[in-house]
Protein backbone atom coordinates (compact mmCIF):
# COMPACT_ATOMS: atom_id res chain seq x y z
CA MET A 1 23.99 25.76 0.98
CA ALA A 2 26.82 23.63 0.64
CA ASP A 3 27.14 22.69 3.79
CA GLU A 4 23.43 21.80 4.48
CA ARG A 5 24.38 19.31 1.15
CA ALA A 6 27.19 17.79 2.70
CA TRP A 7 25.71 17.32 5.56
CA LEU A 8 23.42 15.70 4.82
CA GLY A 9 25.00 13.15 2.46
CA ASP A 10 27.37 12.23 6.24
CA LEU A 11 23.96 11.11 7.35
CA LEU A 12 22.62 9.18 4.68
CA ALA A 13 26.29 7.48 4.76
CA SER A 14 26.03 6.71 8.42
CA VAL A 15 22.34 5.47 8.14
CA ALA A 16 23.54 2.90 5.43
CA SER A 17 26.44 1.72 7.33
CA ALA A 18 24.29 1.03 10.64
CA PRO A 19 22.51 -1.92 11.09
CA PRO A 20 19.29 -2.16 9.60
CA GLU A 21 16.95 -2.82 12.87
CA MET A 22 19.39 0.85 14.00
CA ALA A 23 18.91 2.78 10.90
CA VAL A 24 15.98 5.17 12.35
CA SER A 25 17.62 5.49 15.35
CA VAL A 26 21.00 6.90 14.09
CA LEU A 27 19.36 9.14 11.59
CA ALA A 28 17.43 10.36 15.16
CA GLN A 29 20.44 10.76 17.05
CA LEU A 30 22.61 12.69 14.15
CA LEU A 31 19.31 15.01 13.67
CA ALA A 32 19.23 15.40 17.30
CA ARG A 33 22.85 16.60 17.26
CA ARG A 34 22.43 18.77 14.48
CA LEU A 35 19.63 20.72 15.64
CA SER A 36 20.06 20.90 19.07
CA ALA A 37 17.23 18.94 20.10
CA THR A 38 15.96 17.27 22.95
CA GLU A 39 13.76 15.22 21.76
CA VAL A 40 13.68 13.52 18.10
CA SER A 41 11.24 10.41 17.72
CA PHE A 42 9.82 8.21 14.86
CA LEU A 43 6.47 7.32 14.92
CA ILE A 44 5.29 4.92 12.25
CA THR A 45 1.40 4.49 11.40
CA ASP A 46 -0.39 1.42 11.89
CA HIS A 47 -1.93 -0.62 8.95
CA GLY A 48 -5.48 0.74 8.98
CA GLY A 49 -4.10 4.31 9.57
CA ARG A 50 -6.10 4.85 12.44
CA ALA A 51 -3.05 5.09 15.34
CA VAL A 52 0.75 5.79 15.17
CA VAL A 53 3.74 3.62 17.25
CA ARG A 54 6.46 5.37 18.59
CA LEU A 55 9.37 3.38 17.32
CA THR A 56 12.46 5.30 18.42
CA GLY A 57 13.25 8.53 20.95
CA ALA A 58 13.46 8.36 24.95
CA HIS A 59 9.38 8.03 25.16
CA ALA A 60 9.23 5.01 22.86
CA GLU A 61 6.95 1.92 24.76
CA GLY A 62 6.31 -0.96 24.26
CA GLY A 63 8.06 -3.97 22.14
CA PRO A 64 7.15 -7.08 19.93
CA GLU A 65 4.46 -8.28 22.55
CA HIS A 66 3.33 -4.78 24.04
CA PRO A 67 2.56 -2.39 21.01
CA ARG A 68 1.40 0.51 22.72
CA PRO A 69 -0.75 2.73 19.87
CA ILE A 70 -1.62 6.41 20.37
CA ARG A 71 -4.97 6.50 18.65
CA LEU A 72 -4.80 9.48 16.03
CA ARG A 73 -8.51 10.45 15.50
CA GLY A 74 -8.75 14.02 17.33
CA SER A 75 -5.35 14.19 17.93
CA VAL A 76 -2.53 16.75 16.50
CA TYR A 77 -1.02 13.26 14.84
CA GLU A 78 -4.13 13.19 12.54
CA GLU A 79 -4.06 16.84 11.63
CA VAL A 80 -0.41 16.29 10.05
CA VAL A 81 -1.29 12.79 8.78
CA ARG A 82 -4.68 14.37 6.73
CA SER A 83 -2.41 17.23 6.06
CA GLN A 84 0.48 16.29 5.53
CA GLU A 85 2.07 19.82 6.68
CA VAL A 86 4.27 20.61 9.17
CA HIS A 87 3.02 21.44 12.95
CA MET A 88 4.72 23.80 15.43
CA ALA A 89 3.68 24.63 18.95
CA SER A 90 5.24 26.17 21.98
CA GLY A 91 5.76 23.45 24.83
CA GLU A 92 7.34 24.14 28.41
CA ARG A 93 10.11 24.67 30.19
CA ALA A 94 9.83 23.47 33.12
CA GLY A 95 11.61 25.28 36.19
CA GLU A 96 13.57 27.13 33.60
CA ASP A 97 14.31 30.80 33.12
CA GLY A 98 14.45 31.53 29.00
CA PRO A 99 12.14 30.94 25.97
CA ASP A 100 9.22 27.73 26.06
CA PRO A 101 11.21 25.16 23.87
CA ILE A 102 9.12 24.46 20.13
CA GLN A 103 7.43 21.00 19.45
CA VAL A 104 7.59 19.93 15.91
CA ILE A 105 5.65 16.74 14.04
CA ALA A 106 6.66 16.90 10.17
CA PRO A 107 4.89 13.76 7.99
CA VAL A 108 7.05 11.11 6.79
CA SER A 109 5.31 10.43 3.59
CA ASP A 110 6.52 8.75 0.05
CA ARG A 111 5.01 9.44 -3.33
CA GLY A 112 1.64 10.25 -0.86
CA ASP A 113 2.26 6.99 1.43
CA ALA A 114 1.86 8.30 4.87
CA ILE A 115 4.78 6.03 6.13
CA GLY A 116 4.34 8.20 9.73
CA LEU A 117 5.84 11.43 11.52
CA LEU A 118 8.79 12.94 12.86
CA GLU A 119 8.50 14.73 15.83
CA LEU A 120 11.03 16.70 17.56
CA THR A 121 11.41 19.28 20.62
CA VAL A 122 13.94 22.72 19.79
CA PRO A 123 15.10 25.34 21.51
CA VAL A 124 14.34 27.86 19.52
CA ARG A 125 11.21 28.40 16.92
CA PRO A 126 13.07 27.10 13.48
CA ASP A 127 14.10 29.21 10.53
CA ARG A 128 13.45 28.47 6.92
CA GLN A 129 16.98 27.35 6.81
CA THR A 130 16.54 24.87 9.63
CA MET A 131 12.77 23.88 8.62
CA GLN A 132 14.52 22.68 4.79
CA LEU A 133 17.07 20.88 6.64
CA ILE A 134 13.80 18.99 8.54
CA ALA A 135 12.11 18.10 5.03
CA GLU A 136 15.26 16.59 4.11
CA ALA A 137 15.29 15.09 7.09
CA THR A 138 12.05 13.55 6.72
CA HIS A 139 12.60 12.37 2.90
CA ALA A 140 15.65 10.68 3.95
CA LEU A 141 13.65 9.01 7.03
CA ALA A 142 11.16 7.77 4.37
CA TYR A 143 13.35 5.71 1.89
CA VAL A 144 15.58 4.65 5.70
CA VAL A 145 12.11 2.81 6.33
CA ILE A 146 11.55 1.90 2.74
CA THR A 147 14.65 0.29 2.44
CA ASN A 148 15.48 -1.30 5.37
CA ARG A 149 11.76 -2.91 5.92
CA ARG A 150 12.92 -5.39 4.06
CA PHE A 151 15.56 -6.39 6.92
CA THR A 152 14.11 -6.56 9.75
CA ASP A 153 10.31 -6.90 11.49
CA LEU A 154 11.10 -3.87 13.70
CA TYR A 155 8.59 -1.69 11.11
CA GLU A 156 5.81 -4.38 10.90
CA TRP A 157 5.89 -4.68 14.29
CA GLY A 158 5.06 -1.16 14.59
CA ARG A 159 2.41 -1.00 11.88
CA ARG A 160 0.92 -3.78 14.13
CA THR A 161 -1.57 -2.25 16.93
CA THR A 162 -3.70 -5.99 17.51
CA ARG A 163 -2.25 -9.14 16.59
CA LEU A 164 -2.72 -10.74 12.86
CA SER A 165 -4.76 -14.08 12.77
CA LEU A 166 -2.85 -16.48 9.99
CA ALA A 167 -5.49 -15.97 7.25
CA ALA A 168 -4.69 -12.46 7.87
CA GLU A 169 -0.92 -12.86 7.63
CA ILE A 170 -1.12 -14.62 4.46
CA GLN A 171 -2.93 -12.06 2.90
CA HIS A 172 -1.42 -9.01 4.20
CA ARG A 173 1.92 -10.65 2.28
CA LEU A 174 -0.28 -10.50 -1.31
CA LEU A 175 -0.93 -6.51 -0.71
CA PRO A 176 1.60 -4.24 -1.92
CA ASP A 177 3.94 -2.93 -0.08
CA SER A 178 2.40 0.54 -0.18
CA PHE A 179 -1.41 1.25 0.01
CA THR A 180 -0.76 4.71 -1.58
CA CYS A 181 0.96 5.79 -4.84
CA GLU A 182 1.27 9.30 -6.06
CA THR A 183 2.72 10.03 -8.88
CA GLY A 184 1.63 13.48 -10.48
CA ARG A 185 -0.58 11.64 -13.14
CA PHE A 186 -2.67 9.72 -10.92
CA ILE A 187 -2.84 8.60 -7.72
CA VAL A 188 -4.25 5.01 -6.24
CA ALA A 189 -5.10 4.25 -2.97
CA GLY A 190 -6.48 0.80 -1.19
CA ALA A 191 -7.33 0.01 2.50
CA LEU A 192 -8.83 -3.35 4.16
CA GLU A 193 -10.60 -4.13 7.16
CA PRO A 194 -10.42 -5.49 9.22
CA ALA A 195 -6.86 -5.51 9.04
CA ALA A 196 -6.26 -7.95 11.12
CA ASP A 197 -8.55 -11.23 10.90
CA ILE A 198 -10.57 -12.94 8.24
CA GLY A 199 -8.32 -13.34 4.56
CA GLY A 200 -9.61 -13.41 1.27
CA ASP A 201 -9.70 -10.04 -0.06
CA THR A 202 -7.24 -8.59 -1.68
CA PHE A 203 -5.86 -5.51 -4.25
CA ASP A 204 -2.86 -5.00 -5.97
CA TYR A 205 -1.22 -2.16 -8.68
CA THR A 206 1.58 -1.99 -10.62
CA LEU A 207 3.34 0.16 -13.46
CA ASP A 208 5.08 -0.21 -16.47
CA ARG A 209 6.27 1.95 -18.93
CA HIS A 210 2.93 2.43 -20.55
CA ALA A 211 0.17 1.64 -18.45
CA LEU A 212 -1.15 1.48 -15.23
CA HIS A 213 -2.09 -2.04 -13.92
CA LEU A 214 -5.10 -2.81 -11.42
CA SER A 215 -6.72 -5.40 -9.61
CA LEU A 216 -9.41 -6.35 -7.07
CA THR A 217 -10.14 -9.78 -6.09
CA ASP A 218 -12.41 -11.75 -3.65
CA ALA A 219 -11.93 -15.56 -2.65
CA MET A 220 -14.76 -17.66 -1.05
CA GLY A 221 -15.41 -18.04 2.26
CA HIS A 222 -12.87 -17.11 5.64
CA ASP A 223 -9.91 -17.74 6.98
CA VAL A 224 -6.96 -19.51 6.02
CA GLN A 225 -8.80 -21.70 2.72
CA ALA A 226 -9.61 -18.35 1.35
CA ALA A 227 -6.46 -16.91 2.06
CA LEU A 228 -4.58 -20.00 0.21
CA VAL A 229 -7.36 -19.19 -2.86
CA ALA A 230 -6.21 -15.37 -2.60
CA THR A 231 -2.43 -16.62 -2.40
CA MET A 232 -2.80 -18.42 -6.19
CA VAL A 233 -5.27 -15.76 -7.80
CA VAL A 234 -2.60 -12.99 -7.20
CA GLY A 235 0.25 -14.97 -7.44
CA ALA A 236 -1.01 -16.45 -10.84
CA LEU A 237 -1.97 -13.07 -11.94
CA ARG A 238 1.49 -11.01 -11.13
CA ASN A 239 3.09 -14.33 -12.70
CA ALA A 240 1.13 -13.56 -15.73
CA ARG A 241 1.59 -9.92 -16.03
CA ARG A 242 5.23 -10.12 -15.45
CA ALA A 243 5.29 -12.50 -18.18
CA GLY A 244 3.73 -9.63 -20.68
CA GLY A 245 0.53 -11.64 -20.97
CA SER A 246 -2.60 -9.55 -21.86
CA LEU A 247 -5.77 -8.73 -19.19
CA LEU A 248 -6.87 -12.24 -21.13
CA ASP A 249 -4.17 -13.79 -20.33
CA GLN A 250 -4.35 -13.15 -16.56
CA ALA A 251 -7.48 -14.34 -16.15
CA GLN A 252 -7.26 -17.17 -17.63
CA ASP A 253 -4.15 -18.15 -15.91
CA ALA A 254 -6.37 -16.82 -12.69
CA HIS A 255 -8.89 -18.83 -13.22
CA GLN A 256 -7.19 -22.07 -14.19
CA ALA A 257 -5.00 -22.42 -10.65
CA VAL A 258 -8.26 -21.80 -8.98
CA ALA A 259 -9.53 -24.73 -11.06
CA ASP A 260 -7.16 -26.77 -10.53
CA TYR A 261 -7.12 -26.25 -6.50
CA ALA A 262 -10.65 -27.18 -6.70
CA ASP A 263 -10.27 -30.62 -8.51
CA ARG A 264 -7.70 -31.36 -6.34
CA ALA A 265 -10.15 -30.63 -2.96
CA HIS A 266 -12.74 -32.24 -4.38
CA GLN A 267 -10.59 -35.36 -5.07
CA ALA A 268 -9.75 -35.25 -1.69
CA PHE A 269 -13.54 -34.83 -0.72
CA ALA A 270 -14.14 -38.35 -2.34
CA ASP A 271 -12.47 -39.86 0.75
CA PRO A 272 -15.78 -40.70 2.95
CA SER A 273 -13.86 -39.85 6.26
CA GLU A 274 -15.90 -37.78 8.66
CA ARG A 275 -13.39 -34.70 8.81
CA VAL A 276 -13.22 -34.50 4.97
CA ARG A 277 -17.44 -34.35 5.37
CA GLN A 278 -17.16 -31.84 7.90
CA ALA A 279 -14.48 -29.70 5.44
CA ILE A 280 -17.61 -29.97 3.19
CA ILE A 281 -19.90 -28.25 5.75
CA ARG A 282 -17.59 -25.67 6.39
CA HIS A 283 -16.70 -24.71 3.14
CA GLY A 284 -19.66 -25.78 0.91
CA GLY A 285 -17.25 -27.45 -1.33
CA GLN A 286 -16.66 -24.86 -3.64
CA VAL A 287 -13.83 -22.98 -4.67
CA MET A 288 -13.62 -20.16 -6.33
CA ALA A 289 -12.82 -15.84 -6.44
CA THR A 290 -14.32 -13.25 -7.87
CA GLY A 291 -12.42 -10.19 -9.38
CA GLN A 292 -12.15 -7.12 -11.22
CA LEU A 293 -8.59 -6.34 -13.76
CA LEU A 294 -7.89 -3.17 -14.90
CA ARG A 295 -5.28 -1.94 -17.80
CA VAL A 296 -5.55 2.70 -17.67
CA GLY A 297 -2.91 3.64 -20.83
CA LEU A 298 -0.67 6.27 -19.46
CA ASP A 299 -0.97 8.49 -22.09
CA THR A 300 -3.83 8.27 -23.25
CA GLY A 301 -6.14 6.85 -20.43
CA ARG A 302 -7.36 4.47 -22.57
CA THR A 303 -9.08 1.78 -19.92
CA THR A 304 -9.49 -2.34 -20.82
CA PHE A 305 -11.06 -3.90 -18.11
CA VAL A 306 -11.88 -7.59 -17.31
CA ASN A 307 -15.27 -8.64 -14.77
CA ALA A 308 -14.73 -11.41 -13.02
CA GLY A 309 -18.31 -11.97 -11.69
CA HIS A 310 -17.37 -8.88 -9.31
CA VAL A 311 -19.34 -6.48 -7.86
CA TRP A 312 -20.05 -3.44 -10.11
CA PRO A 313 -17.33 -0.24 -9.54
CA LEU A 314 -18.42 3.32 -8.78
CA ARG A 315 -17.28 6.61 -10.50
CA LEU A 316 -17.34 10.23 -9.43
CA ARG A 317 -17.51 12.44 -12.14
CA ASP A 318 -18.75 16.49 -12.12
CA GLY A 319 -19.71 15.53 -8.41
CA ARG A 320 -22.20 12.64 -9.97
CA VAL A 321 -21.57 8.92 -8.36
CA GLU A 322 -22.58 6.46 -10.89
CA GLU A 323 -22.35 2.71 -10.50
CA ILE A 324 -21.07 1.63 -13.78
CA THR A 325 -22.16 -2.07 -14.94
CA PRO A 326 -19.96 -3.87 -17.23
CA SER A 327 -20.96 -7.23 -18.71
CA ALA A 328 -19.94 -10.16 -16.14
CA ASP A 329 -18.07 -12.74 -16.57
CA LEU A 330 -17.62 -16.16 -14.76
CA PRO A 331 -15.67 -15.94 -10.91
CA PHE A 332 -12.34 -17.67 -11.29
CA GLY A 333 -12.49 -21.29 -10.81
CA VAL A 334 -16.39 -21.73 -11.78
CA THR A 335 -16.40 -24.44 -14.47
CA PRO A 336 -17.14 -24.62 -17.15
CA ASN A 337 -16.34 -21.39 -18.47
CA PRO A 338 -16.38 -20.29 -21.56
CA GLY A 339 -14.18 -17.58 -20.98
CA TYR A 340 -13.17 -13.81 -20.42
CA ARG A 341 -14.43 -10.60 -22.51
CA LEU A 342 -12.05 -7.69 -22.88
CA GLN A 343 -13.82 -4.62 -22.37
CA ASN A 344 -13.47 -1.13 -22.32
CA LEU A 345 -14.44 1.64 -19.63
CA ASP A 346 -14.77 5.05 -19.97
CA LEU A 347 -12.22 6.90 -17.97
CA ARG A 348 -11.78 10.60 -18.29
CA GLN A 349 -9.13 13.05 -16.55
CA GLY A 350 -10.78 14.29 -13.32
CA ASP A 351 -13.18 10.63 -12.76
CA ARG A 352 -12.19 9.05 -9.57
CA LEU A 353 -12.97 5.45 -9.76
CA ILE A 354 -13.64 3.07 -6.99
CA LEU A 355 -13.88 -0.63 -6.75
CA PHE A 356 -14.50 -2.37 -3.85
CA THR A 357 -15.48 -5.70 -2.67
CA ASP A 358 -19.04 -6.74 -1.13
CA GLY A 359 -17.78 -6.90 2.20
CA MET A 360 -18.00 -2.38 2.00
CA LEU A 361 -21.83 -3.13 0.70
CA GLU A 362 -23.26 -5.35 3.98
CA PRO A 363 -22.79 -3.04 6.91
CA HIS A 364 -24.26 -0.36 4.46
CA GLY A 365 -27.33 -2.16 4.04
CA THR A 366 -27.18 0.25 0.12
CA GLU A 367 -25.05 0.97 -2.69
CA ALA A 368 -26.87 4.18 -2.14
CA ASP A 369 -25.04 4.58 1.23
CA LEU A 370 -21.58 4.02 -0.75
CA SER A 371 -22.12 6.39 -2.84
CA ASP A 372 -23.06 9.26 -0.58
CA LEU A 373 -19.90 8.21 1.01
CA VAL A 374 -18.24 8.47 -1.81
CA ARG A 375 -19.68 12.01 -2.86
CA GLN A 376 -19.02 13.94 0.64
CA THR A 377 -15.56 13.05 0.75
CA SER A 378 -14.78 13.97 -3.13
CA ASP A 379 -12.21 16.63 -2.45
CA TRP A 380 -10.47 14.78 0.08
CA HIS A 381 -6.76 12.75 -1.29
CA PRO A 382 -7.59 8.99 -1.76
CA ARG A 383 -5.42 8.26 1.17
CA ASP A 384 -8.16 9.45 3.52
CA ALA A 385 -11.01 9.01 1.31
CA VAL A 386 -10.79 4.64 1.59
CA ARG A 387 -9.49 4.63 5.35
CA LEU A 388 -13.12 6.76 6.09
CA PHE A 389 -14.63 3.82 3.63
CA THR A 390 -13.30 1.06 5.74
CA GLU A 391 -13.34 2.29 9.11
CA THR A 392 -16.97 3.50 8.37
CA VAL A 393 -17.82 -0.32 7.39
CA LEU A 394 -16.13 -1.17 11.13
CA GLU A 395 -18.26 0.96 13.15
CA VAL A 396 -21.36 0.68 11.33
CA SER A 397 -21.05 -3.39 11.92
CA ASN A 398 -19.82 -2.76 16.08
CA HIS A 399 -16.02 -3.30 14.46
CA ASN A 400 -17.30 -7.01 14.24
CA PRO A 401 -17.86 -7.39 10.04
CA ARG A 402 -18.93 -10.65 8.69
CA ASP A 403 -16.11 -10.35 5.84
CA ASP A 404 -13.56 -8.70 4.82
CA ALA A 405 -14.35 -4.75 3.24
CA THR A 406 -11.83 -3.31 0.86
CA VAL A 407 -11.98 -0.44 -1.56
CA LEU A 408 -9.22 0.53 -4.63
CA CYS A 409 -9.60 3.86 -5.25
CA LEU A 410 -8.14 5.72 -8.95
CA ASP A 411 -8.16 9.47 -9.27
CA TRP A 412 -7.36 10.28 -12.95
CA PRO A 413 -7.33 13.99 -11.53
CA ALA A 414 -7.62 17.02 -13.24
CA PRO A 415 -4.19 18.98 -13.51
CA ASP A 416 -6.29 21.65 -11.73
CA SER A 417 -8.07 19.68 -8.53
CA PRO A 418 -6.00 20.18 -5.35
CA TYR A 419 -7.45 18.15 -2.57
CA ILE A 420 -8.76 20.71 0.39
CA GLY A 421 -7.55 20.12 3.31
CA HIS A 422 -7.14 16.53 2.99
CA ARG A 423 -3.87 16.47 0.95
């Protein structure tokens, strides 16, 4: 055991001294030598969670201009991503005697965020000690990716199986680094489609010592205009929150930021030029964003809520899905604005809370259809449930939705409610 710890320490030291773009490759090479593996590779999941891209290993293909996604649906890779359990299978030793090599596929995750997969080909079936070493290597690999993606586009390239529009590029910079967070007290997971286009929807979450903070916003319009409004909304919310502001302070700052931007836009619209008149036609001359802000007390579960003209959330409790109907205040940026009200939201242990934008409703036709999906996935991990919600939107709209479809799922789970087959 001491030898194993020493080896892991040496591995981390070697990776830490490697250039950021080579860190994962160095880890793979060291692991290959340690396990006498003929192949070790890392596959990273894409933004939509529908494919993986092989970033290292002898079979790594493509590049920033030509990514080679491997579709997850129906594959062994999907099984590992969904179950978060190791898969082992015998391979074939072409033209050689001796035992068949073993293919090992292990999940690479951090706090519920499915970062990717570690795939190895080893000469014999791993024993318990080897499996422990592989598990420790996947934990190390997750931290390597999280640490080094700040310094290189390599990992971001792997997550993009299609090119992002400019609006989507702006929008993705507003989202959390990890779309899933599992802490033991709660699980939160978000998803957004189409991942490569449009712009305007955002979700966000963060923790302080006493509370979980959540937000979901939807800027009016499409393309770069909506992405810019979303940037101001998210920036104002984070700025107020990080300064110690309450939910009401955050809401007021977001409103003021959008209202000030709208005033500047309207002053520009006073220019009688044809270009400005066409801009008015395209954008309707109106700048605003809807949103929901929540604060959940970590010790008590007490939840306060601000609703800025947004669609009502859904709550799954004891197998029943119900619409929560708090009072609605005006969207951010709409003036005159009498201000925002702080409301209470009933959240109990074992509840699942679903926040979403109107893009989730349009392809479904009715909220009842979305409620059915929430009910059908009640025993799924939130990470998998939100992906199914957004994938369904894409399928129903023939992969051409008219608006962003964004969803944020919070589980305030009971201690004895494990997820069935979708951890």
